[in-house]
Amino acid sequence: MRSFVPDYELVVAARLNDALDMLAEGWRPIAGGTDLMVLFNAGKLPYRKLVSIRRVKELSSIEESETEISIGAAVTYTHIRQHPVLRQEFPLLCSAASWTGSIANQNRGTLGGNIINASPAADSSPVLLVYDAELELISLRGTRRIPYCDFHLGYKKMQIRDDELLRSIHLPRKTENRRSYIRKVGPRQAQAISKVCFAATARLRGSAIDEVRIAAGSVAPVPLRCHATESVLRGQSISPDLIETAANAIAAEVQPITDIRSTRDYRRAVTANLLKQFLQTLA
């Protein structure tokens, strides 16, 4: 049954402090609303008091420094896709942004909303993991930064307090000389929730893998950084035997389930095959 509109309140915050004041009083944030409105239409949105943060300037910009790029939590996927520095230095994020829903969804949906929705199938999550993203959380008590890899504690459980707001996502600018790879596997090319989403980067020293980062979505209760598989690869030279060993390692490391979109065995096999494809590009 659909929600009854008069049961809900929506206030638009003009300033960041206004939004933080309302969060401290129990209101919940809404940005693009592409996830929350699905719950609203289904009559399953648990929050009755919503504060829109879409017009808060501090949350809607992309800032550059010598060491990092800071993306406001309310920055849309369209803004990300079109940003010249992100396209040059963080192409995997721009690719993930182009896969997220329709053009209309990309015009409304935000990177922060995708993170806070906490879906294991989120297109942006594997990318943020391989780029070593950090999240900046803010409340009336102050700000704190945490590595994105520590943010998800379990299915739909996050390291964020009720009065905190995700302010920005920070990406370190140390992507030079890295080779990168990203794939989304779904029932169709657009407007589909992924069966498996895979991202990886690597830097070679001679013929050996000096640094490697691998992450996958839809294969565990949370977006998964594949540390065990990375350990198998680090310091090794690419060979058919190494590729097979790494494929077996990631098949053991992922924890997929069978659901309406796919099966556990399919997800495990696809993840291993995507890793093989990535490693073959390095040979």
Protein backbone atom coordinates (compact mmCIF):
# COMPACT_ATOMS: atom_id res chain seq x y z
CA MET A 1 0.00 0.00 0.00
CA ARG A 2 1.34 3.42 -0.94
CA SER A 3 2.24 5.97 1.71
CA PHE A 4 -0.24 8.67 2.73
CA VAL A 5 1.46 11.95 1.83
CA PRO A 6 0.00 14.08 4.70
CA ASP A 7 1.66 11.69 7.18
CA TYR A 8 5.08 13.05 6.15
CA GLU A 9 6.89 16.35 6.63
CA LEU A 10 9.58 17.71 4.31
CA VAL A 11 11.68 20.80 5.03
CA VAL A 12 14.34 22.20 2.69
CA ALA A 13 17.55 23.22 4.46
CA ALA A 14 19.30 26.27 3.03
CA ARG A 15 22.43 25.97 5.18
CA LEU A 16 24.48 23.10 6.52
CA ASN A 17 23.98 24.13 10.15
CA ASP A 18 20.21 24.16 9.63
CA ALA A 19 20.35 20.58 8.44
CA LEU A 20 22.54 19.53 11.37
CA ASP A 21 20.17 21.18 13.84
CA MET A 22 17.28 19.20 12.42
CA LEU A 23 19.22 15.92 12.41
CA ALA A 24 19.96 16.47 16.10
CA GLU A 25 16.19 16.74 16.63
CA GLY A 26 15.50 13.42 14.89
CA TRP A 27 14.85 14.47 11.29
CA ARG A 28 16.35 12.33 8.53
CA PRO A 29 18.17 13.62 5.42
CA ILE A 30 17.03 13.25 1.82
CA ALA A 31 19.05 14.35 -1.23
CA GLY A 32 18.08 13.03 -4.67
CA GLY A 33 15.48 10.69 -3.21
CA THR A 34 15.92 8.02 -5.87
CA ASP A 35 16.11 5.29 -3.21
CA LEU A 36 13.84 6.77 -0.56
CA MET A 37 11.01 7.46 -2.98
CA VAL A 38 10.92 3.78 -3.92
CA LEU A 39 10.29 3.00 -0.25
CA PHE A 40 7.79 5.85 -0.03
CA ASN A 41 5.78 4.57 -3.01
CA ALA A 42 5.75 1.09 -1.49
CA GLY A 43 4.57 2.41 1.88
CA LYS A 44 7.80 1.25 3.53
CA LEU A 45 9.60 4.54 4.25
CA PRO A 46 10.12 4.46 8.04
CA TYR A 47 11.01 8.16 8.44
CA ARG A 48 8.18 10.69 8.74
CA LYS A 49 10.26 13.87 9.11
CA LEU A 50 12.65 14.54 6.22
CA VAL A 51 15.06 17.43 5.64
CA SER A 52 16.22 18.01 2.09
CA ILE A 53 19.96 18.74 1.80
CA ARG A 54 19.93 19.15 -1.96
CA ARG A 55 20.39 22.94 -1.86
CA VAL A 56 23.14 22.99 0.76
CA LYS A 57 26.11 24.52 -1.05
CA GLU A 58 28.79 22.77 1.02
CA LEU A 59 27.37 19.39 0.00
CA SER A 60 26.94 20.07 -3.70
CA SER A 61 30.42 20.92 -4.96
CA ILE A 62 33.60 19.15 -6.05
CA GLU A 63 36.78 20.68 -4.65
CA GLU A 64 40.38 20.06 -5.71
CA SER A 65 43.62 20.29 -3.76
CA GLU A 66 47.12 19.07 -4.53
CA THR A 67 46.58 15.87 -2.58
CA GLU A 68 42.90 14.97 -2.96
CA ILE A 69 39.54 15.53 -4.64
CA SER A 70 36.61 16.17 -2.29
CA ILE A 71 33.15 15.30 -3.59
CA GLY A 72 30.18 16.70 -1.68
CA ALA A 73 27.67 14.07 -0.59
CA ALA A 74 24.89 15.74 -2.61
CA VAL A 75 26.88 15.85 -5.86
CA THR A 76 24.91 14.08 -8.58
CA TYR A 77 26.13 11.32 -10.86
CA THR A 78 25.72 13.64 -13.84
CA HIS A 79 28.08 16.15 -12.20
CA ILE A 80 30.58 13.36 -11.56
CA ARG A 81 30.38 12.05 -15.15
CA GLN A 82 31.02 15.51 -16.57
CA HIS A 83 33.80 16.67 -14.22
CA PRO A 84 37.07 16.92 -16.20
CA VAL A 85 39.45 16.05 -13.34
CA LEU A 86 37.40 13.04 -12.27
CA ARG A 87 37.25 11.83 -15.87
CA GLN A 88 41.03 12.08 -16.17
CA GLU A 89 42.19 10.83 -12.76
CA PHE A 90 39.29 8.68 -11.53
CA PRO A 91 37.75 7.15 -14.67
CA LEU A 92 36.35 4.15 -12.81
CA LEU A 93 34.09 6.44 -10.77
CA CYS A 94 32.83 8.13 -13.92
CA SER A 95 32.10 4.73 -15.47
CA ALA A 96 30.16 3.65 -12.37
CA ALA A 97 28.23 6.93 -12.45
CA SER A 98 27.22 6.29 -16.06
CA TRP A 99 25.78 2.87 -15.09
CA THR A 100 23.64 4.10 -12.20
CA GLY A 101 20.04 4.05 -13.39
CA SER A 102 18.70 6.22 -16.19
CA ILE A 103 19.77 9.74 -17.16
CA ALA A 104 16.93 11.02 -14.97
CA ASN A 105 18.29 9.00 -12.03
CA GLN A 106 21.79 10.34 -12.67
CA ASN A 107 20.48 13.90 -12.70
CA ARG A 108 18.87 13.41 -9.27
CA GLY A 109 20.80 10.61 -7.58
CA THR A 110 23.84 11.47 -5.46
CA LEU A 111 27.05 9.71 -4.56
CA GLY A 112 26.37 10.24 -0.86
CA GLY A 113 22.92 8.75 -1.18
CA ASN A 114 24.33 5.67 -2.89
CA ILE A 115 26.76 5.19 0.01
CA ILE A 116 24.19 5.72 2.76
CA ASN A 117 21.65 3.46 1.08
CA ALA A 118 24.27 0.79 1.85
CA SER A 119 23.31 -1.70 -0.82
CA PRO A 120 25.96 -4.40 -1.40
CA ALA A 121 25.11 -4.00 -5.11
CA ALA A 122 25.86 -0.26 -5.26
CA ASP A 123 27.76 0.56 -8.46
CA SER A 124 30.02 3.15 -6.84
CA SER A 125 31.16 1.11 -3.82
CA PRO A 126 33.85 -1.13 -5.42
CA VAL A 127 35.34 1.94 -7.09
CA LEU A 128 35.53 3.87 -3.82
CA LEU A 129 37.24 0.88 -2.23
CA VAL A 130 39.98 0.58 -4.86
CA TYR A 131 40.52 4.37 -4.80
CA ASP A 132 41.03 4.28 -1.00
CA ALA A 133 38.23 6.79 -0.40
CA GLU A 134 37.68 8.43 2.96
CA LEU A 135 34.33 9.70 4.25
CA GLU A 136 33.88 12.92 6.19
CA LEU A 137 31.02 12.81 8.69
CA ILE A 138 29.70 15.94 10.39
CA SER A 139 27.33 16.73 13.26
CA LEU A 140 26.87 19.53 15.78
CA ARG A 141 29.59 17.80 17.82
CA GLY A 142 32.18 18.23 15.07
CA THR A 143 33.62 16.30 12.12
CA ARG A 144 35.48 13.04 11.71
CA ARG A 145 36.99 11.15 8.79
CA ILE A 146 36.99 7.39 8.40
CA PRO A 147 38.28 5.11 5.64
CA TYR A 148 35.44 3.96 3.42
CA CYS A 149 36.65 0.38 3.83
CA ASP A 150 35.68 0.60 7.53
CA PHE A 151 32.28 2.24 6.99
CA HIS A 152 30.08 -0.80 6.30
CA LEU A 153 29.76 -2.97 9.41
CA GLY A 154 27.21 -5.48 8.06
CA TYR A 155 24.18 -5.60 5.80
CA LYS A 156 22.64 -2.09 5.96
CA LYS A 157 24.73 -1.35 9.06
CA MET A 158 27.11 1.60 8.92
CA GLN A 159 29.55 3.48 11.10
CA ILE A 160 27.40 6.62 11.27
CA ARG A 161 25.40 8.07 14.16
CA ASP A 162 21.81 9.27 13.89
CA ASP A 163 22.81 12.94 14.23
CA GLU A 164 25.65 12.68 11.71
CA LEU A 165 25.54 13.63 8.06
CA LEU A 166 27.84 12.39 5.32
CA ARG A 167 29.46 15.64 4.23
CA SER A 168 31.96 14.59 1.58
CA ILE A 169 33.93 11.79 -0.05
CA HIS A 170 37.71 12.28 -0.33
CA LEU A 171 39.78 10.60 -3.04
CA PRO A 172 43.61 10.74 -2.75
CA ARG A 173 45.27 11.90 -5.95
CA LYS A 174 47.80 9.08 -6.30
CA THR A 175 46.45 7.21 -9.28
CA GLU A 176 49.35 7.82 -11.66
CA ASN A 177 50.90 4.82 -13.42
CA ARG A 178 48.06 2.58 -12.33
CA ARG A 179 46.17 0.36 -14.70
CA SER A 180 42.49 0.11 -13.98
CA TYR A 181 39.57 -2.13 -14.83
CA ILE A 182 35.84 -2.09 -14.15
CA ARG A 183 32.92 -4.26 -15.18
CA LYS A 184 29.26 -4.48 -14.28
CA VAL A 185 27.43 -7.71 -15.03
CA GLY A 186 23.64 -7.50 -15.15
CA PRO A 187 20.63 -8.69 -17.15
CA ARG A 188 20.97 -5.71 -19.50
CA GLN A 189 23.35 -2.83 -20.16
CA ALA A 190 21.30 -0.04 -18.56
CA GLN A 191 18.94 0.46 -15.63
CA ALA A 192 19.72 -2.88 -14.00
CA ILE A 193 20.90 -3.79 -10.52
CA SER A 194 24.21 -5.59 -10.84
CA LYS A 195 24.61 -9.33 -10.43
CA VAL A 196 28.31 -8.60 -9.92
CA CYS A 197 30.18 -5.31 -10.01
CA PHE A 198 33.98 -5.50 -10.11
CA ALA A 199 36.74 -2.88 -9.95
CA ALA A 200 40.52 -3.18 -9.74
CA THR A 201 43.69 -1.16 -10.09
CA ALA A 202 47.31 -2.25 -10.25
CA ARG A 203 50.77 -0.77 -10.58
CA LEU A 204 53.62 -2.80 -12.01
CA ARG A 205 57.31 -2.69 -11.19
CA GLY A 206 58.94 -4.30 -14.16
CA SER A 207 56.93 -7.48 -14.73
CA ALA A 208 55.83 -7.84 -11.10
CA ILE A 209 52.68 -6.51 -9.47
CA ASP A 210 53.89 -3.84 -7.07
CA GLU A 211 50.49 -2.65 -5.85
CA VAL A 212 47.01 -4.05 -6.45
CA ARG A 213 43.51 -3.28 -5.21
CA ILE A 214 40.48 -5.41 -5.95
CA ALA A 215 36.87 -4.90 -4.89
CA ALA A 216 33.49 -6.34 -5.81
CA GLY A 217 29.82 -5.69 -5.19
CA SER A 218 26.83 -8.06 -4.94
CA VAL A 219 29.11 -10.82 -3.65
CA ALA A 220 28.92 -10.28 0.14
CA PRO A 221 26.73 -8.58 2.77
CA VAL A 222 28.81 -5.42 2.25
CA PRO A 223 30.90 -4.05 -0.63
CA LEU A 224 33.98 -6.26 -0.47
CA ARG A 225 37.65 -5.30 -0.67
CA CYS A 226 39.42 -8.55 -1.59
CA HIS A 227 42.51 -8.34 0.64
CA ALA A 228 43.28 -12.07 0.59
CA THR A 229 43.34 -12.16 -3.20
CA GLU A 230 45.50 -9.04 -3.30
CA SER A 231 48.02 -10.78 -1.04
CA VAL A 232 48.24 -13.69 -3.49
CA LEU A 233 49.11 -11.28 -6.30
CA ARG A 234 51.32 -8.68 -4.66
CA GLY A 235 54.97 -9.01 -5.69
CA GLN A 236 54.27 -11.72 -8.28
CA SER A 237 54.75 -11.72 -12.04
CA ILE A 238 51.75 -12.45 -14.23
CA SER A 239 51.61 -16.03 -15.48
CA PRO A 240 48.86 -18.51 -16.33
CA ASP A 241 49.48 -20.33 -13.04
CA LEU A 242 49.24 -17.10 -11.02
CA ILE A 243 46.02 -16.09 -12.77
CA GLU A 244 44.46 -19.46 -11.95
CA THR A 245 45.64 -19.31 -8.34
CA ALA A 246 44.23 -15.80 -7.92
CA ALA A 247 40.90 -16.83 -9.49
CA ASN A 248 40.61 -19.67 -6.97
CA ALA A 249 41.50 -17.27 -4.15
CA ILE A 250 38.80 -14.74 -5.00
CA ALA A 251 36.22 -17.51 -5.50
CA ALA A 252 36.94 -18.56 -1.92
CA GLU A 253 37.00 -15.00 -0.59
CA VAL A 254 33.63 -13.76 -1.88
CA GLN A 255 30.45 -14.63 0.02
CA PRO A 256 27.61 -14.41 -2.53
CA ILE A 257 24.02 -15.49 -1.99
CA THR A 258 21.30 -16.78 -4.28
CA ASP A 259 18.48 -14.28 -4.73
CA ILE A 260 15.97 -13.14 -7.33
CA ARG A 261 18.70 -11.64 -9.54
CA SER A 262 21.26 -14.45 -9.63
CA THR A 263 22.69 -17.54 -7.97
CA ARG A 264 25.57 -17.92 -5.58
CA ASP A 265 27.54 -20.16 -7.94
CA TYR A 266 27.07 -17.81 -10.89
CA ARG A 267 28.28 -14.81 -8.91
CA ARG A 268 31.31 -16.70 -7.66
CA ALA A 269 32.24 -17.89 -11.17
CA VAL A 270 31.72 -14.46 -12.73
CA THR A 271 33.87 -12.75 -10.09
CA ALA A 272 36.70 -15.19 -10.76
CA ASN A 273 36.39 -14.68 -14.52
CA LEU A 274 36.44 -10.88 -14.16
CA LEU A 275 39.61 -11.12 -12.12
CA LYS A 276 41.15 -13.26 -14.84
CA GLN A 277 40.23 -10.67 -17.47
CA PHE A 278 41.80 -7.90 -15.38
CA LEU A 279 45.02 -9.83 -14.85
CA GLN A 280 45.24 -10.69 -18.54
CA THR A 281 45.25 -6.94 -19.32
CA LEU A 282 48.38 -6.63 -17.18
CA ALA A 283 50.32 -9.38 -18.93
